[in-house]
Amino acid sequence: MRTILLVEDDPTTSARVACELEEEGFRVCGAAGDREAFALMERESISLVVVDPAVGGMSGLDLMRRIIERSPRIPIVIYSSDPELRENFGCWAADHFVLKWGDPEGLRGAIREALLSRAA
């Protein structure tokens, strides 16, 4: 079973996304901020990170940079309510961008595609 690290500081959004991903057969570890995310990365075998770049702690760009430094093979999906980030998500070194309030299949599809592309 693949484990997804969900970095989201809104508890309602985190619970909804975790439930959707668990229904797809993923194990989900939730973190409300950067420190909790890095602690989980030390303890768990993470297959992919879904991150809201607006979480508390360090900036989203710094958070993703540190994730890549620690584990360069882990795919990252930005999950944001800010549609303007879509234009530049590649410069954040993320594999995909998904708008939070879009179709739930968008996130699941981005996760599947990111896992497949990194496996190749």
PDB file of N, CA and C in Angstrom:
ATOM      1  N   MET A   1       0.844  -1.175   0.000  1.00  0.00           N
ATOM      2  CA  MET A   1       0.000   0.000   0.000  1.00  0.00           C
ATOM      3  C   MET A   1       0.894   1.244   0.000  1.00  0.00           C
ATOM      4  N   ARG A   2       0.608   2.170  -0.895  1.00  0.00           N
ATOM      5  CA  ARG A   2       1.392   3.404  -0.979  1.00  0.00           C
ATOM      6  C   ARG A   2       0.902   4.414   0.054  1.00  0.00           C
ATOM      7  N   THR A   3       1.854   5.149   0.608  1.00  0.00           N
ATOM      8  CA  THR A   3       1.545   6.128   1.642  1.00  0.00           C
ATOM      9  C   THR A   3       1.703   7.536   1.094  1.00  0.00           C
ATOM     10  N   ILE A   4       0.670   8.332   1.295  1.00  0.00           N
ATOM     11  CA  ILE A   4       0.682   9.725   0.858  1.00  0.00           C
ATOM     12  C   ILE A   4       0.780  10.619   2.080  1.00  0.00           C
ATOM     13  N   LEU A   5       1.706  11.572   2.025  1.00  0.00           N
ATOM     14  CA  LEU A   5       1.809  12.595   3.051  1.00  0.00           C
ATOM     15  C   LEU A   5       0.968  13.774   2.593  1.00  0.00           C
ATOM     16  N   LEU A   6      -0.057  14.111   3.355  1.00  0.00           N
ATOM     17  CA  LEU A   6      -0.956  15.216   3.057  1.00  0.00           C
ATOM     18  C   LEU A   6      -0.613  16.371   3.989  1.00  0.00           C
ATOM     19  N   VAL A   7      -0.068  17.453   3.431  1.00  0.00           N
ATOM     20  CA  VAL A   7       0.312  18.618   4.228  1.00  0.00           C
ATOM     21  C   VAL A   7      -0.755  19.688   3.998  1.00  0.00           C
ATOM     22  N   GLU A   8      -1.662  19.792   4.959  1.00  0.00           N
ATOM     23  CA  GLU A   8      -2.834  20.672   4.851  1.00  0.00           C
ATOM     24  C   GLU A   8      -3.202  21.144   6.249  1.00  0.00           C
ATOM     25  N   ASP A   9      -3.315  22.456   6.433  1.00  0.00           N
ATOM     26  CA  ASP A   9      -3.587  22.970   7.778  1.00  0.00           C
ATOM     27  C   ASP A   9      -5.069  23.155   8.094  1.00  0.00           C
ATOM     28  N   ASP A  10      -5.939  22.988   7.123  1.00  0.00           N
ATOM     29  CA  ASP A  10      -7.371  23.074   7.393  1.00  0.00           C
ATOM     30  C   ASP A  10      -7.888  21.676   7.735  1.00  0.00           C
ATOM     31  N   PRO A  11      -8.361  21.470   8.977  1.00  0.00           N
ATOM     32  CA  PRO A  11      -8.766  20.119   9.377  1.00  0.00           C
ATOM     33  C   PRO A  11      -9.921  19.538   8.560  1.00  0.00           C
ATOM     34  N   THR A  12     -10.847  20.379   8.130  1.00  0.00           N
ATOM     35  CA  THR A  12     -11.982  19.883   7.339  1.00  0.00           C
ATOM     36  C   THR A  12     -11.506  19.398   5.978  1.00  0.00           C
ATOM     37  N   THR A  13     -10.673  20.194   5.323  1.00  0.00           N
ATOM     38  CA  THR A  13     -10.134  19.799   4.016  1.00  0.00           C
ATOM     39  C   THR A  13      -9.271  18.554   4.159  1.00  0.00           C
ATOM     40  N   SER A  14      -8.446  18.530   5.191  1.00  0.00           N
ATOM     41  CA  SER A  14      -7.562  17.384   5.411  1.00  0.00           C
ATOM     42  C   SER A  14      -8.365  16.098   5.586  1.00  0.00           C
ATOM     43  N   ALA A  15      -9.419  16.148   6.394  1.00  0.00           N
ATOM     44  CA  ALA A  15     -10.241  14.959   6.631  1.00  0.00           C
ATOM     45  C   ALA A  15     -10.939  14.508   5.351  1.00  0.00           C
ATOM     46  N   ARG A  16     -11.460  15.456   4.574  1.00  0.00           N
ATOM     47  CA  ARG A  16     -12.165  15.113   3.331  1.00  0.00           C
ATOM     48  C   ARG A  16     -11.210  14.460   2.335  1.00  0.00           C
ATOM     49  N   VAL A  17     -10.036  15.069   2.139  1.00  0.00           N
ATOM     50  CA  VAL A  17      -9.073  14.537   1.178  1.00  0.00           C
ATOM     51  C   VAL A  17      -8.550  13.183   1.641  1.00  0.00           C
ATOM     52  N   ALA A  18      -8.247  13.059   2.920  1.00  0.00           N
ATOM     53  CA  ALA A  18      -7.757  11.780   3.444  1.00  0.00           C
ATOM     54  C   ALA A  18      -8.776  10.676   3.207  1.00  0.00           C
ATOM     55  N   CYS A  19     -10.035  10.968   3.448  1.00  0.00           N
ATOM     56  CA  CYS A  19     -11.100   9.972   3.230  1.00  0.00           C
ATOM     57  C   CYS A  19     -11.166   9.566   1.763  1.00  0.00           C
ATOM     58  N   GLU A  20     -11.118  10.547   0.854  1.00  0.00           N
ATOM     59  CA  GLU A  20     -11.167  10.248  -0.584  1.00  0.00           C
ATOM     60  C   GLU A  20      -9.982   9.380  -1.008  1.00  0.00           C
ATOM     61  N   LEU A  21      -8.797   9.700  -0.498  1.00  0.00           N
ATOM     62  CA  LEU A  21      -7.603   8.944  -0.896  1.00  0.00           C
ATOM     63  C   LEU A  21      -7.587   7.547  -0.284  1.00  0.00           C
ATOM     64  N   GLU A  22      -8.080   7.421   0.940  1.00  0.00           N
ATOM     65  CA  GLU A  22      -8.162   6.107   1.569  1.00  0.00           C
ATOM     66  C   GLU A  22      -9.142   5.210   0.816  1.00  0.00           C
ATOM     67  N   GLU A  23     -10.226   5.798   0.298  1.00  0.00           N
ATOM     68  CA  GLU A  23     -11.169   5.026  -0.508  1.00  0.00           C
ATOM     69  C   GLU A  23     -10.522   4.514  -1.793  1.00  0.00           C
ATOM     70  N   GLU A  24      -9.486   5.213  -2.250  1.00  0.00           N
ATOM     71  CA  GLU A  24      -8.740   4.792  -3.445  1.00  0.00           C
ATOM     72  C   GLU A  24      -7.669   3.753  -3.109  1.00  0.00           C
ATOM     73  N   GLY A  25      -7.526   3.422  -1.827  1.00  0.00           N
ATOM     74  CA  GLY A  25      -6.569   2.393  -1.425  1.00  0.00           C
ATOM     75  C   GLY A  25      -5.234   2.915  -0.941  1.00  0.00           C
ATOM     76  N   PHE A  26      -5.118   4.214  -0.749  1.00  0.00           N
ATOM     77  CA  PHE A  26      -3.880   4.786  -0.229  1.00  0.00           C
ATOM     78  C   PHE A  26      -3.941   4.867   1.283  1.00  0.00           C
ATOM     79  N   ARG A  27      -2.783   4.809   1.892  1.00  0.00           N
ATOM     80  CA  ARG A  27      -2.639   5.121   3.315  1.00  0.00           C
ATOM     81  C   ARG A  27      -2.272   6.595   3.368  1.00  0.00           C
ATOM     82  N   VAL A  28      -2.903   7.375   4.244  1.00  0.00           N
ATOM     83  CA  VAL A  28      -2.668   8.812   4.309  1.00  0.00           C
ATOM     84  C   VAL A  28      -2.134   9.197   5.679  1.00  0.00           C
ATOM     85  N   CYS A  29      -1.019   9.919   5.681  1.00  0.00           N
ATOM     86  CA  CYS A  29      -0.469  10.520   6.889  1.00  0.00           C
ATOM     87  C   CYS A  29      -0.675  12.024   6.760  1.00  0.00           C
ATOM     88  N   GLY A  30      -1.340  12.628   7.730  1.00  0.00           N
ATOM     89  CA  GLY A  30      -1.632  14.048   7.656  1.00  0.00           C
ATOM     90  C   GLY A  30      -0.692  14.875   8.510  1.00  0.00           C
ATOM     91  N   ALA A  31      -0.328  16.042   7.981  1.00  0.00           N
ATOM     92  CA  ALA A  31       0.507  16.999   8.707  1.00  0.00           C
ATOM     93  C   ALA A  31      -0.104  18.384   8.528  1.00  0.00           C
ATOM     94  N   ALA A  32      -0.171  19.148   9.619  1.00  0.00           N
ATOM     95  CA  ALA A  32      -0.752  20.481   9.558  1.00  0.00           C
ATOM     96  C   ALA A  32       0.291  21.552   9.267  1.00  0.00           C
ATOM     97  N   GLY A  33       1.556  21.184   9.227  1.00  0.00           N
ATOM     98  CA  GLY A  33       2.615  22.158   8.975  1.00  0.00           C
ATOM     99  C   GLY A  33       3.929  21.488   8.644  1.00  0.00           C
ATOM    100  N   ASP A  34       4.957  22.302   8.456  1.00  0.00           N
ATOM    101  CA  ASP A  34       6.246  21.790   7.995  1.00  0.00           C
ATOM    102  C   ASP A  34       6.933  20.864   8.995  1.00  0.00           C
ATOM    103  N   ARG A  35       6.944  21.218  10.259  1.00  0.00           N
ATOM    104  CA  ARG A  35       7.636  20.372  11.255  1.00  0.00           C
ATOM    105  C   ARG A  35       7.017  18.991  11.349  1.00  0.00           C
ATOM    106  N   GLU A  36       5.701  18.955  11.388  1.00  0.00           N
ATOM    107  CA  GLU A  36       5.007  17.672  11.442  1.00  0.00           C
ATOM    108  C   GLU A  36       5.263  16.866  10.161  1.00  0.00           C
ATOM    109  N   ALA A  37       5.306  17.547   9.019  1.00  0.00           N
ATOM    110  CA  ALA A  37       5.562  16.872   7.747  1.00  0.00           C
ATOM    111  C   ALA A  37       6.942  16.215   7.748  1.00  0.00           C
ATOM    112  N   PHE A  38       7.961  16.948   8.212  1.00  0.00           N
ATOM    113  CA  PHE A  38       9.310  16.380   8.207  1.00  0.00           C
ATOM    114  C   PHE A  38       9.461  15.255   9.220  1.00  0.00           C
ATOM    115  N   ALA A  39       8.773  15.363  10.351  1.00  0.00           N
ATOM    116  CA  ALA A  39       8.804  14.272  11.331  1.00  0.00           C
ATOM    117  C   ALA A  39       8.197  13.004  10.729  1.00  0.00           C
ATOM    118  N   LEU A  40       7.086  13.157  10.015  1.00  0.00           N
ATOM    119  CA  LEU A  40       6.468  11.990   9.371  1.00  0.00           C
ATOM    120  C   LEU A  40       7.372  11.414   8.287  1.00  0.00           C
ATOM    121  N   MET A  41       8.058  12.274   7.552  1.00  0.00           N
ATOM    122  CA  MET A  41       8.962  11.771   6.509  1.00  0.00           C
ATOM    123  C   MET A  41      10.111  10.971   7.095  1.00  0.00           C
ATOM    124  N   GLU A  42      10.499  11.282   8.317  1.00  0.00           N
ATOM    125  CA  GLU A  42      11.557  10.514   8.992  1.00  0.00           C
ATOM    126  C   GLU A  42      11.056   9.132   9.425  1.00  0.00           C
ATOM    127  N   ARG A  43       9.782   9.049   9.815  1.00  0.00           N
ATOM    128  CA  ARG A  43       9.237   7.810  10.369  1.00  0.00           C
ATOM    129  C   ARG A  43       8.563   6.910   9.358  1.00  0.00           C
ATOM    130  N   GLU A  44       8.029   7.484   8.296  1.00  0.00           N
ATOM    131  CA  GLU A  44       7.201   6.732   7.359  1.00  0.00           C
ATOM    132  C   GLU A  44       7.880   6.587   6.006  1.00  0.00           C
ATOM    133  N   SER A  45       7.464   5.589   5.264  1.00  0.00           N
ATOM    134  CA  SER A  45       7.919   5.413   3.889  1.00  0.00           C
ATOM    135  C   SER A  45       6.898   6.104   2.986  1.00  0.00           C
ATOM    136  N   ILE A  46       7.186   7.350   2.624  1.00  0.00           N
ATOM    137  CA  ILE A  46       6.257   8.185   1.885  1.00  0.00           C
ATOM    138  C   ILE A  46       6.444   7.952   0.382  1.00  0.00           C
ATOM    139  N   SER A  47       5.325   7.739  -0.313  1.00  0.00           N
ATOM    140  CA  SER A  47       5.362   7.531  -1.764  1.00  0.00           C
ATOM    141  C   SER A  47       5.141   8.813  -2.547  1.00  0.00           C
ATOM    142  N   LEU A  48       4.401   9.766  -1.944  1.00  0.00           N
ATOM    143  CA  LEU A  48       4.041  10.999  -2.638  1.00  0.00           C
ATOM    144  C   LEU A  48       3.611  12.023  -1.596  1.00  0.00           C
ATOM    145  N   VAL A  49       3.840  13.311  -1.904  1.00  0.00           N
ATOM    146  CA  VAL A  49       3.418  14.390  -1.010  1.00  0.00           C
ATOM    147  C   VAL A  49       2.384  15.254  -1.726  1.00  0.00           C
ATOM    148  N   VAL A  50       1.257  15.489  -1.054  1.00  0.00           N
ATOM    149  CA  VAL A  50       0.254  16.459  -1.493  1.00  0.00           C
ATOM    150  C   VAL A  50       0.382  17.629  -0.530  1.00  0.00           C
ATOM    151  N   VAL A  51       0.662  18.823  -1.068  1.00  0.00           N
ATOM    152  CA  VAL A  51       0.943  19.960  -0.184  1.00  0.00           C
ATOM    153  C   VAL A  51       0.172  21.205  -0.603  1.00  0.00           C
ATOM    154  N   ASP A  52      -0.382  21.864   0.397  1.00  0.00           N
ATOM    155  CA  ASP A  52      -0.940  23.194   0.218  1.00  0.00           C
ATOM    156  C   ASP A  52       0.199  24.161   0.527  1.00  0.00           C
ATOM    157  N   PRO A  53       0.655  24.953  -0.449  1.00  0.00           N
ATOM    158  CA  PRO A  53       1.804  25.825  -0.194  1.00  0.00           C
ATOM    159  C   PRO A  53       1.529  26.931   0.814  1.00  0.00           C
ATOM    160  N   ALA A  54       0.279  27.078   1.257  1.00  0.00           N
ATOM    161  CA  ALA A  54      -0.056  28.123   2.223  1.00  0.00           C
ATOM    162  C   ALA A  54      -0.132  27.594   3.656  1.00  0.00           C
ATOM    163  N   VAL A  55       0.374  26.396   3.927  1.00  0.00           N
ATOM    164  CA  VAL A  55       0.325  25.866   5.292  1.00  0.00           C
ATOM    165  C   VAL A  55       1.228  26.687   6.204  1.00  0.00           C
ATOM    166  N   GLY A  56       0.970  26.568   7.486  1.00  0.00           N
ATOM    167  CA  GLY A  56       1.763  27.293   8.465  1.00  0.00           C
ATOM    168  C   GLY A  56       3.206  26.820   8.513  1.00  0.00           C
ATOM    169  N   GLY A  57       4.058  27.683   9.017  1.00  0.00           N
ATOM    170  CA  GLY A  57       5.486  27.368   9.100  1.00  0.00           C
ATOM    171  C   GLY A  57       6.230  28.040   7.972  1.00  0.00           C
ATOM    172  N   MET A  58       7.164  27.347   7.375  1.00  0.00           N
ATOM    173  CA  MET A  58       7.942  27.930   6.286  1.00  0.00           C
ATOM    174  C   MET A  58       7.086  28.111   5.038  1.00  0.00           C
ATOM    175  N   SER A  59       7.578  28.866   4.092  1.00  0.00           N
ATOM    176  CA  SER A  59       6.818  29.080   2.860  1.00  0.00           C
ATOM    177  C   SER A  59       6.676  27.762   2.097  1.00  0.00           C
ATOM    178  N   GLY A  60       5.673  27.713   1.249  1.00  0.00           N
ATOM    179  CA  GLY A  60       5.450  26.509   0.451  1.00  0.00           C
ATOM    180  C   GLY A  60       6.636  26.164  -0.413  1.00  0.00           C
ATOM    181  N   LEU A  61       7.295  27.168  -0.980  1.00  0.00           N
ATOM    182  CA  LEU A  61       8.460  26.931  -1.819  1.00  0.00           C
ATOM    183  C   LEU A  61       9.600  26.335  -1.006  1.00  0.00           C
ATOM    184  N   ASP A  62       9.835  26.874   0.175  1.00  0.00           N
ATOM    185  CA  ASP A  62      10.890  26.330   1.040  1.00  0.00           C
ATOM    186  C   ASP A  62      10.562  24.915   1.494  1.00  0.00           C
ATOM    187  N   LEU A  63       9.301  24.672   1.804  1.00  0.00           N
ATOM    188  CA  LEU A  63       8.874  23.338   2.216  1.00  0.00           C
ATOM    189  C   LEU A  63       9.153  22.323   1.119  1.00  0.00           C
ATOM    190  N   MET A  64       8.750  22.656  -0.111  1.00  0.00           N
ATOM    191  CA  MET A  64       8.982  21.723  -1.220  1.00  0.00           C
ATOM    192  C   MET A  64      10.463  21.557  -1.515  1.00  0.00           C
ATOM    193  N   ARG A  65      11.219  22.617  -1.411  1.00  0.00           N
ATOM    194  CA  ARG A  65      12.666  22.526  -1.620  1.00  0.00           C
ATOM    195  C   ARG A  65      13.299  21.561  -0.613  1.00  0.00           C
ATOM    196  N   ARG A  66      12.872  21.637   0.641  1.00  0.00           N
ATOM    197  CA  ARG A  66      13.421  20.736   1.663  1.00  0.00           C
ATOM    198  C   ARG A  66      12.977  19.296   1.437  1.00  0.00           C
ATOM    199  N   ILE A  67      11.752  19.112   0.982  1.00  0.00           N
ATOM    200  CA  ILE A  67      11.285  17.752   0.675  1.00  0.00           C
ATOM    201  C   ILE A  67      12.156  17.164  -0.428  1.00  0.00           C
ATOM    202  N   ILE A  68      12.412  17.943  -1.466  1.00  0.00           N
ATOM    203  CA  ILE A  68      13.228  17.475  -2.593  1.00  0.00           C
ATOM    204  C   ILE A  68      14.659  17.200  -2.150  1.00  0.00           C
ATOM    205  N   GLU A  69      15.212  18.046  -1.286  1.00  0.00           N
ATOM    206  CA  GLU A  69      16.571  17.813  -0.782  1.00  0.00           C
ATOM    207  C   GLU A  69      16.651  16.500  -0.010  1.00  0.00           C
ATOM    208  N   ARG A  70      15.641  16.217   0.787  1.00  0.00           N
ATOM    209  CA  ARG A  70      15.639  14.992   1.587  1.00  0.00           C
ATOM    210  C   ARG A  70      15.328  13.755   0.764  1.00  0.00           C
ATOM    211  N   SER A  71      14.384  13.888  -0.160  1.00  0.00           N
ATOM    212  CA  SER A  71      13.903  12.732  -0.917  1.00  0.00           C
ATOM    213  C   SER A  71      13.594  13.152  -2.349  1.00  0.00           C
ATOM    214  N   PRO A  72      14.604  13.262  -3.195  1.00  0.00           N
ATOM    215  CA  PRO A  72      14.391  13.787  -4.547  1.00  0.00           C
ATOM    216  C   PRO A  72      13.492  12.934  -5.442  1.00  0.00           C
ATOM    217  N   ARG A  73      13.257  11.700  -5.101  1.00  0.00           N
ATOM    218  CA  ARG A  73      12.427  10.829  -5.944  1.00  0.00           C
ATOM    219  C   ARG A  73      10.944  10.880  -5.584  1.00  0.00           C
ATOM    220  N   ILE A  74      10.594  11.558  -4.494  1.00  0.00           N
ATOM    221  CA  ILE A  74       9.191  11.617  -4.083  1.00  0.00           C
ATOM    222  C   ILE A  74       8.456  12.652  -4.920  1.00  0.00           C
ATOM    223  N   PRO A  75       7.384  12.256  -5.617  1.00  0.00           N
ATOM    224  CA  PRO A  75       6.601  13.233  -6.376  1.00  0.00           C
ATOM    225  C   PRO A  75       5.839  14.171  -5.440  1.00  0.00           C
ATOM    226  N   ILE A  76       5.628  15.392  -5.917  1.00  0.00           N
ATOM    227  CA  ILE A  76       4.909  16.403  -5.147  1.00  0.00           C
ATOM    228  C   ILE A  76       3.741  16.918  -5.978  1.00  0.00           C
ATOM    229  N   VAL A  77       2.569  16.951  -5.357  1.00  0.00           N
ATOM    230  CA  VAL A  77       1.380  17.525  -5.976  1.00  0.00           C
ATOM    231  C   VAL A  77       0.982  18.746  -5.149  1.00  0.00           C
ATOM    232  N   ILE A  78       0.943  19.917  -5.793  1.00  0.00           N
ATOM    233  CA  ILE A  78       0.460  21.120  -5.118  1.00  0.00           C
ATOM    234  C   ILE A  78      -1.058  21.077  -5.135  1.00  0.00           C
ATOM    235  N   TYR A  79      -1.645  21.298  -3.969  1.00  0.00           N
ATOM    236  CA  TYR A  79      -3.095  21.290  -3.807  1.00  0.00           C
ATOM    237  C   TYR A  79      -3.479  22.626  -3.191  1.00  0.00           C
ATOM    238  N   SER A  80      -3.922  23.551  -4.025  1.00  0.00           N
ATOM    239  CA  SER A  80      -4.082  24.936  -3.587  1.00  0.00           C
ATOM    240  C   SER A  80      -5.418  25.521  -4.011  1.00  0.00           C
ATOM    241  N   SER A  81      -5.869  26.506  -3.249  1.00  0.00           N
ATOM    242  CA  SER A  81      -7.081  27.243  -3.615  1.00  0.00           C
ATOM    243  C   SER A  81      -6.744  28.491  -4.424  1.00  0.00           C
ATOM    244  N   ASP A  82      -5.456  28.708  -4.693  1.00  0.00           N
ATOM    245  CA  ASP A  82      -5.015  29.887  -5.446  1.00  0.00           C
ATOM    246  C   ASP A  82      -4.767  29.503  -6.902  1.00  0.00           C
ATOM    247  N   PRO A  83      -5.696  29.846  -7.813  1.00  0.00           N
ATOM    248  CA  PRO A  83      -5.537  29.434  -9.212  1.00  0.00           C
ATOM    249  C   PRO A  83      -4.333  30.080  -9.903  1.00  0.00           C
ATOM    250  N   GLU A  84      -3.816  31.178  -9.367  1.00  0.00           N
ATOM    251  CA  GLU A  84      -2.669  31.836  -9.984  1.00  0.00           C
ATOM    252  C   GLU A  84      -1.388  31.000  -9.874  1.00  0.00           C
ATOM    253  N   LEU A  85      -1.331  30.115  -8.907  1.00  0.00           N
ATOM    254  CA  LEU A  85      -0.150  29.257  -8.760  1.00  0.00           C
ATOM    255  C   LEU A  85      -0.021  28.250  -9.895  1.00  0.00           C
ATOM    256  N   ARG A  86      -1.119  27.958 -10.559  1.00  0.00           N
ATOM    257  CA  ARG A  86      -1.120  26.961 -11.640  1.00  0.00           C
ATOM    258  C   ARG A  86      -0.123  27.314 -12.738  1.00  0.00           C
ATOM    259  N   GLU A  87      -0.012  28.595 -13.053  1.00  0.00           N
ATOM    260  CA  GLU A  87       0.865  29.031 -14.142  1.00  0.00           C
ATOM    261  C   GLU A  87       2.329  28.729 -13.870  1.00  0.00           C
ATOM    262  N   ASN A  88       2.736  28.745 -12.606  1.00  0.00           N
ATOM    263  CA  ASN A  88       4.153  28.627 -12.278  1.00  0.00           C
ATOM    264  C   ASN A  88       4.495  27.426 -11.395  1.00  0.00           C
ATOM    265  N   PHE A  89       3.590  26.453 -11.297  1.00  0.00           N
ATOM    266  CA  PHE A  89       3.860  25.366 -10.354  1.00  0.00           C
ATOM    267  C   PHE A  89       5.119  24.588 -10.710  1.00  0.00           C
ATOM    268  N   GLY A  90       5.497  24.563 -11.971  1.00  0.00           N
ATOM    269  CA  GLY A  90       6.706  23.841 -12.369  1.00  0.00           C
ATOM    270  C   GLY A  90       7.958  24.429 -11.753  1.00  0.00           C
ATOM    271  N   CYS A  91       7.980  25.743 -11.570  1.00  0.00           N
ATOM    272  CA  CYS A  91       9.164  26.352 -10.965  1.00  0.00           C
ATOM    273  C   CYS A  91       9.246  26.024  -9.485  1.00  0.00           C
ATOM    274  N   TRP A  92       8.170  25.514  -8.927  1.00  0.00           N
ATOM    275  CA  TRP A  92       8.192  25.071  -7.533  1.00  0.00           C
ATOM    276  C   TRP A  92       8.710  23.628  -7.443  1.00  0.00           C
ATOM    277  N   ALA A  93       9.041  23.062  -8.574  1.00  0.00           N
ATOM    278  CA  ALA A  93       9.547  21.684  -8.656  1.00  0.00           C
ATOM    279  C   ALA A  93       8.481  20.664  -8.278  1.00  0.00           C
ATOM    280  N   ALA A  94       7.237  21.015  -8.528  1.00  0.00           N
ATOM    281  CA  ALA A  94       6.143  20.082  -8.267  1.00  0.00           C
ATOM    282  C   ALA A  94       5.808  19.330  -9.550  1.00  0.00           C
ATOM    283  N   ASP A  95       5.257  18.149  -9.387  1.00  0.00           N
ATOM    284  CA  ASP A  95       4.884  17.323 -10.524  1.00  0.00           C
ATOM    285  C   ASP A  95       3.528  17.712 -11.105  1.00  0.00           C
ATOM    286  N   HIS A  96       2.623  18.143 -10.231  1.00  0.00           N
ATOM    287  CA  HIS A  96       1.269  18.498 -10.668  1.00  0.00           C
ATOM    288  C   HIS A  96       0.715  19.607  -9.786  1.00  0.00           C
ATOM    289  N   PHE A  97      -0.285  20.280 -10.328  1.00  0.00           N
ATOM    290  CA  PHE A  97      -1.040  21.289  -9.585  1.00  0.00           C
ATOM    291  C   PHE A  97      -2.513  20.916  -9.683  1.00  0.00           C
ATOM    292  N   VAL A  98      -3.211  20.938  -8.547  1.00  0.00           N
ATOM    293  CA  VAL A  98      -4.644  20.660  -8.527  1.00  0.00           C
ATOM    294  C   VAL A  98      -5.319  21.759  -7.704  1.00  0.00           C
ATOM    295  N   LEU A  99      -6.357  22.340  -8.273  1.00  0.00           N
ATOM    296  CA  LEU A  99      -7.136  23.351  -7.577  1.00  0.00           C
ATOM    297  C   LEU A  99      -8.025  22.671  -6.540  1.00  0.00           C
ATOM    298  N   LYS A 100      -7.976  23.156  -5.300  1.00  0.00           N
ATOM    299  CA  LYS A 100      -8.698  22.511  -4.202  1.00  0.00           C
ATOM    300  C   LYS A 100     -10.183  22.321  -4.459  1.00  0.00           C
ATOM    301  N   TRP A 101     -10.814  23.280  -5.027  1.00  0.00           N
ATOM    302  CA  TRP A 101     -12.266  23.214  -5.108  1.00  0.00           C
ATOM    303  C   TRP A 101     -12.728  22.649  -6.446  1.00  0.00           C
ATOM    304  N   GLY A 102     -11.834  21.960  -7.128  1.00  0.00           N
ATOM    305  CA  GLY A 102     -12.197  21.323  -8.394  1.00  0.00           C
ATOM    306  C   GLY A 102     -12.767  19.931  -8.164  1.00  0.00           C
ATOM    307  N   ASP A 103     -12.876  19.197  -9.229  1.00  0.00           N
ATOM    308  CA  ASP A 103     -13.377  17.831  -9.208  1.00  0.00           C
ATOM    309  C   ASP A 103     -12.421  16.942  -8.409  1.00  0.00           C
ATOM    310  N   PRO A 104     -12.917  16.153  -7.439  1.00  0.00           N
ATOM    311  CA  PRO A 104     -12.039  15.267  -6.667  1.00  0.00           C
ATOM    312  C   PRO A 104     -11.236  14.309  -7.545  1.00  0.00           C
ATOM    313  N   GLU A 105     -11.764  13.967  -8.708  1.00  0.00           N
ATOM    314  CA  GLU A 105     -11.019  13.070  -9.600  1.00  0.00           C
ATOM    315  C   GLU A 105      -9.736  13.727 -10.079  1.00  0.00           C
ATOM    316  N   GLY A 106      -9.699  15.056 -10.107  1.00  0.00           N
ATOM    317  CA  GLY A 106      -8.481  15.756 -10.520  1.00  0.00           C
ATOM    318  C   GLY A 106      -7.310  15.434  -9.620  1.00  0.00           C
ATOM    319  N   LEU A 107      -7.523  15.406  -8.316  1.00  0.00           N
ATOM    320  CA  LEU A 107      -6.450  15.083  -7.378  1.00  0.00           C
ATOM    321  C   LEU A 107      -6.057  13.619  -7.504  1.00  0.00           C
ATOM    322  N   ARG A 108      -7.042  12.744  -7.559  1.00  0.00           N
ATOM    323  CA  ARG A 108      -6.731  11.311  -7.673  1.00  0.00           C
ATOM    324  C   ARG A 108      -5.969  11.029  -8.968  1.00  0.00           C
ATOM    325  N   GLY A 109      -6.381  11.662 -10.067  1.00  0.00           N
ATOM    326  CA  GLY A 109      -5.701  11.477 -11.343  1.00  0.00           C
ATOM    327  C   GLY A 109      -4.275  12.010 -11.316  1.00  0.00           C
ATOM    328  N   ALA A 110      -4.076  13.166 -10.694  1.00  0.00           N
ATOM    329  CA  ALA A 110      -2.733  13.745 -10.588  1.00  0.00           C
ATOM    330  C   ALA A 110      -1.817  12.842  -9.763  1.00  0.00           C
ATOM    331  N   ILE A 111      -2.363  12.262  -8.705  1.00  0.00           N
ATOM    332  CA  ILE A 111      -1.574  11.356  -7.860  1.00  0.00           C
ATOM    333  C   ILE A 111      -1.190  10.113  -8.649  1.00  0.00           C
ATOM    334  N   ARG A 112      -2.156   9.499  -9.322  1.00  0.00           N
ATOM    335  CA  ARG A 112      -1.841   8.297 -10.111  1.00  0.00           C
ATOM    336  C   ARG A 112      -0.780   8.599 -11.173  1.00  0.00           C
ATOM    337  N   GLU A 113      -0.958   9.709 -11.879  1.00  0.00           N
ATOM    338  CA  GLU A 113      -0.007  10.072 -12.937  1.00  0.00           C
ATOM    339  C   GLU A 113       1.388  10.353 -12.376  1.00  0.00           C
ATOM    340  N   ALA A 114       1.448  11.059 -11.252  1.00  0.00           N
ATOM    341  CA  ALA A 114       2.754  11.364 -10.650  1.00  0.00           C
ATOM    342  C   ALA A 114       3.462  10.095 -10.187  1.00  0.00           C
ATOM    343  N   LEU A 115       2.717   9.176  -9.588  1.00  0.00           N
ATOM    344  CA  LEU A 115       3.321   7.922  -9.136  1.00  0.00           C
ATOM    345  C   LEU A 115       3.807   7.095 -10.326  1.00  0.00           C
ATOM    346  N   LEU A 116       3.029   7.050 -11.399  1.00  0.00           N
ATOM    347  CA  LEU A 116       3.438   6.303 -12.581  1.00  0.00           C
ATOM    348  C   LEU A 116       4.652   6.923 -13.254  1.00  0.00           C
ATOM    349  N   SER A 117       4.681   8.253 -13.367  1.00  0.00           N
ATOM    350  CA  SER A 117       5.798   8.898 -14.054  1.00  0.00           C
ATOM    351  C   SER A 117       7.095   8.763 -13.279  1.00  0.00           C
ATOM    352  N   ARG A 118       7.032   8.766 -11.961  1.00  0.00           N
ATOM    353  CA  ARG A 118       8.258   8.603 -11.170  1.00  0.00           C
ATOM    354  C   ARG A 118       8.708   7.152 -11.127  1.00  0.00           C
ATOM    355  N   ALA A 119       7.773   6.230 -11.326  1.00  0.00           N
ATOM    356  CA  ALA A 119       8.116   4.808 -11.318  1.00  0.00           C
ATOM    357  C   ALA A 119       8.825   4.411 -12.597  1.00  0.00           C
ATOM    358  N   ALA A 120       8.594   5.168 -13.657  1.00  0.00           N
ATOM    359  CA  ALA A 120       9.166   4.827 -14.967  1.00  0.00           C
ATOM    360  C   ALA A 120      10.645   5.102 -15.038  1.00  0.00           C
TER     361      ALA A 120
END
